[in-house]
Amino acid sequence: MGLRIKVKICYNNKCVEENALLNTGFETDEPVVSLPVRLAENLGLNILSSVEFEGPGFTKGTAYFGDYVMLEVSLNNESRGIKAKALITPGEEEVIVSDKCIEELGLVLDLRKGKVWFS
């Protein structure tokens, strides 16, 4: 079962609110947020470089790093934001937040109960 929360993503004075999957299996060295192509286009993100990846079941593909975005989460009248590297992923239909974003935002996940809060 995936755990999703509402996030605000901003780039160059454009902001969108989307539901995002908090994916503890999306492991990165720095905060990275995977964005569908349509969302990256709506924000006007610049593509900087491509990266080959291997997903579940040996699925292989190409994704594209974009500029950094501001990622904000609001829970129980508290908001926290971080700068995250955008990863534009063709074929992906939802926003996916990496483990490093979860950590940097100070989010605590209870996957069994489907709850999330700030540490």
C-alpha atoms as a PDB file:
ATOM      1  CA  MET A   1       0.000   0.000   0.000  1.00  0.00           C
ATOM      2  CA  GLY A   2       1.351   3.413  -0.918  1.00  0.00           C
ATOM      3  CA  LEU A   3       1.125   6.436   1.324  1.00  0.00           C
ATOM      4  CA  ARG A   4       0.274   9.701  -0.432  1.00  0.00           C
ATOM      5  CA  ILE A   5       0.116  13.281   0.811  1.00  0.00           C
ATOM      6  CA  LYS A   6      -0.582  16.665  -0.754  1.00  0.00           C
ATOM      7  CA  VAL A   7       2.575  18.581  -1.708  1.00  0.00           C
ATOM      8  CA  LYS A   8       3.223  21.982  -3.224  1.00  0.00           C
ATOM      9  CA  ILE A   9       5.913  22.139  -5.915  1.00  0.00           C
ATOM     10  CA  CYS A  10       7.257  25.520  -7.053  1.00  0.00           C
ATOM     11  CA  TYR A  11       9.632  26.561  -9.817  1.00  0.00           C
ATOM     12  CA  ASN A  12      10.259  30.107 -11.089  1.00  0.00           C
ATOM     13  CA  ASN A  13       7.173  31.577  -9.378  1.00  0.00           C
ATOM     14  CA  LYS A  14       4.881  28.808 -10.697  1.00  0.00           C
ATOM     15  CA  CYS A  15       3.386  26.458  -8.132  1.00  0.00           C
ATOM     16  CA  VAL A  16       1.218  23.358  -8.343  1.00  0.00           C
ATOM     17  CA  GLU A  17      -0.370  21.195  -5.694  1.00  0.00           C
ATOM     18  CA  GLU A  18      -0.407  17.458  -6.286  1.00  0.00           C
ATOM     19  CA  ASN A  19      -0.758  14.232  -4.354  1.00  0.00           C
ATOM     20  CA  ALA A  20       2.647  12.604  -3.978  1.00  0.00           C
ATOM     21  CA  LEU A  21       3.649   9.041  -3.232  1.00  0.00           C
ATOM     22  CA  LEU A  22       6.028   8.790  -0.285  1.00  0.00           C
ATOM     23  CA  ASN A  23       8.205   5.999  -1.568  1.00  0.00           C
ATOM     24  CA  THR A  24      10.785   4.683   0.877  1.00  0.00           C
ATOM     25  CA  GLY A  25      12.129   2.428  -1.904  1.00  0.00           C
ATOM     26  CA  PHE A  26      13.114   5.447  -4.062  1.00  0.00           C
ATOM     27  CA  GLU A  27      16.603   5.829  -2.633  1.00  0.00           C
ATOM     28  CA  THR A  28      18.737   8.862  -3.501  1.00  0.00           C
ATOM     29  CA  ASP A  29      21.821  10.611  -2.147  1.00  0.00           C
ATOM     30  CA  GLU A  30      20.109  14.011  -2.189  1.00  0.00           C
ATOM     31  CA  PRO A  31      16.452  15.078  -2.128  1.00  0.00           C
ATOM     32  CA  VAL A  32      14.871  14.122  -5.474  1.00  0.00           C
ATOM     33  CA  VAL A  33      11.253  14.366  -6.575  1.00  0.00           C
ATOM     34  CA  SER A  34      10.092  12.423  -9.630  1.00  0.00           C
ATOM     35  CA  LEU A  35       7.617  14.360 -11.769  1.00  0.00           C
ATOM     36  CA  PRO A  36       5.379  13.308 -14.640  1.00  0.00           C
ATOM     37  CA  VAL A  37       6.178  15.009 -17.961  1.00  0.00           C
ATOM     38  CA  ARG A  38       2.893  16.985 -17.921  1.00  0.00           C
ATOM     39  CA  LEU A  39       3.730  18.510 -14.535  1.00  0.00           C
ATOM     40  CA  ALA A  40       7.300  19.394 -15.562  1.00  0.00           C
ATOM     41  CA  GLU A  41       5.904  21.094 -18.656  1.00  0.00           C
ATOM     42  CA  ASN A  42       3.321  23.025 -16.584  1.00  0.00           C
ATOM     43  CA  LEU A  43       6.123  24.315 -14.349  1.00  0.00           C
ATOM     44  CA  GLY A  44       8.358  25.158 -17.328  1.00  0.00           C
ATOM     45  CA  LEU A  45      11.243  23.045 -16.014  1.00  0.00           C
ATOM     46  CA  ASN A  46      14.499  22.966 -17.955  1.00  0.00           C
ATOM     47  CA  ILE A  47      15.994  19.553 -18.726  1.00  0.00           C
ATOM     48  CA  LEU A  48      19.657  19.388 -17.730  1.00  0.00           C
ATOM     49  CA  SER A  49      20.752  15.776 -18.316  1.00  0.00           C
ATOM     50  CA  SER A  50      19.496  12.245 -18.846  1.00  0.00           C
ATOM     51  CA  VAL A  51      19.980   9.224 -16.623  1.00  0.00           C
ATOM     52  CA  GLU A  52      19.410   5.528 -17.303  1.00  0.00           C
ATOM     53  CA  PHE A  53      17.597   3.638 -14.567  1.00  0.00           C
ATOM     54  CA  GLU A  54      16.561   0.116 -13.674  1.00  0.00           C
ATOM     55  CA  GLY A  55      13.252  -0.329 -11.900  1.00  0.00           C
ATOM     56  CA  PRO A  56      11.267  -3.254 -10.531  1.00  0.00           C
ATOM     57  CA  GLY A  57      11.354  -6.443 -12.569  1.00  0.00           C
ATOM     58  CA  PHE A  58      14.482  -5.261 -14.400  1.00  0.00           C
ATOM     59  CA  THR A  59      12.511  -2.527 -16.139  1.00  0.00           C
ATOM     60  CA  LYS A  60      14.935  -0.144 -17.800  1.00  0.00           C
ATOM     61  CA  GLY A  61      14.328   3.385 -18.966  1.00  0.00           C
ATOM     62  CA  THR A  62      15.555   6.933 -19.277  1.00  0.00           C
ATOM     63  CA  ALA A  63      14.606   9.830 -17.039  1.00  0.00           C
ATOM     64  CA  TYR A  64      15.771  13.439 -17.167  1.00  0.00           C
ATOM     65  CA  PHE A  65      17.159  15.630 -14.415  1.00  0.00           C
ATOM     66  CA  GLY A  66      15.723  19.115 -14.344  1.00  0.00           C
ATOM     67  CA  ASP A  67      16.406  22.186 -12.258  1.00  0.00           C
ATOM     68  CA  TYR A  68      15.818  22.227  -8.527  1.00  0.00           C
ATOM     69  CA  VAL A  69      12.266  22.843  -7.291  1.00  0.00           C
ATOM     70  CA  MET A  70      10.873  23.856  -3.926  1.00  0.00           C
ATOM     71  CA  LEU A  71       8.868  21.039  -2.338  1.00  0.00           C
ATOM     72  CA  GLU A  72       6.544  21.992   0.515  1.00  0.00           C
ATOM     73  CA  VAL A  73       4.424  19.847   2.813  1.00  0.00           C
ATOM     74  CA  SER A  74       1.768  21.156   5.220  1.00  0.00           C
ATOM     75  CA  LEU A  75       0.436  18.982   8.032  1.00  0.00           C
ATOM     76  CA  ASN A  76      -1.633  20.049  11.045  1.00  0.00           C
ATOM     77  CA  ASN A  77      -1.005  23.801  10.574  1.00  0.00           C
ATOM     78  CA  GLU A  78       2.767  23.310  10.172  1.00  0.00           C
ATOM     79  CA  SER A  79       4.629  23.666   6.870  1.00  0.00           C
ATOM     80  CA  ARG A  80       8.105  22.559   5.901  1.00  0.00           C
ATOM     81  CA  GLY A  81       9.893  23.032   2.614  1.00  0.00           C
ATOM     82  CA  ILE A  82      13.083  21.834   0.978  1.00  0.00           C
ATOM     83  CA  LYS A  83      14.906  22.267  -2.288  1.00  0.00           C
ATOM     84  CA  ALA A  84      14.791  19.037  -4.321  1.00  0.00           C
ATOM     85  CA  LYS A  85      16.238  17.995  -7.647  1.00  0.00           C
ATOM     86  CA  ALA A  86      13.512  17.342 -10.218  1.00  0.00           C
ATOM     87  CA  LEU A  87      13.591  14.022 -12.053  1.00  0.00           C
ATOM     88  CA  ILE A  88      11.282  14.047 -15.072  1.00  0.00           C
ATOM     89  CA  THR A  89      10.127  10.493 -15.682  1.00  0.00           C
ATOM     90  CA  PRO A  90       8.318   9.665 -18.954  1.00  0.00           C
ATOM     91  CA  GLY A  91       5.485   7.216 -18.392  1.00  0.00           C
ATOM     92  CA  GLU A  92       5.099   8.097 -14.711  1.00  0.00           C
ATOM     93  CA  GLU A  93       1.682   9.505 -13.823  1.00  0.00           C
ATOM     94  CA  GLU A  94       2.256  10.681 -10.267  1.00  0.00           C
ATOM     95  CA  VAL A  95       4.707  12.641  -8.161  1.00  0.00           C
ATOM     96  CA  ILE A  96       7.082  10.387  -6.212  1.00  0.00           C
ATOM     97  CA  VAL A  97       9.152  11.669  -3.289  1.00  0.00           C
ATOM     98  CA  SER A  98      12.524  10.031  -2.552  1.00  0.00           C
ATOM     99  CA  ASP A  99      13.620   8.705   0.812  1.00  0.00           C
ATOM    100  CA  LYS A 100      16.023  11.644   1.181  1.00  0.00           C
ATOM    101  CA  CYS A 101      13.127  14.125   0.733  1.00  0.00           C
ATOM    102  CA  ILE A 102      11.160  12.271   3.397  1.00  0.00           C
ATOM    103  CA  GLU A 103      14.165  12.470   5.726  1.00  0.00           C
ATOM    104  CA  GLU A 104      14.945  16.156   5.008  1.00  0.00           C
ATOM    105  CA  LEU A 105      11.313  17.140   5.559  1.00  0.00           C
ATOM    106  CA  GLY A 106      11.331  15.288   8.890  1.00  0.00           C
ATOM    107  CA  LEU A 107       8.384  13.102   7.927  1.00  0.00           C
ATOM    108  CA  VAL A 108       7.533  10.018   9.963  1.00  0.00           C
ATOM    109  CA  LEU A 109       5.541   7.326   8.158  1.00  0.00           C
ATOM    110  CA  ASP A 110       3.286   4.662   9.598  1.00  0.00           C
ATOM    111  CA  LEU A 111       2.624   2.598   6.480  1.00  0.00           C
ATOM    112  CA  ARG A 112       0.458   0.078   8.311  1.00  0.00           C
ATOM    113  CA  LYS A 113      -1.967   2.746   9.553  1.00  0.00           C
ATOM    114  CA  GLY A 114      -1.522   5.043   6.545  1.00  0.00           C
ATOM    115  CA  LYS A 115      -0.469   8.033   8.664  1.00  0.00           C
ATOM    116  CA  VAL A 116       2.243  10.646   8.339  1.00  0.00           C
ATOM    117  CA  TRP A 117       3.459  13.399  10.688  1.00  0.00           C
ATOM    118  CA  PHE A 118       6.469  15.634  11.284  1.00  0.00           C
ATOM    119  CA  SER A 119       9.154  14.457  13.700  1.00  0.00           C
END
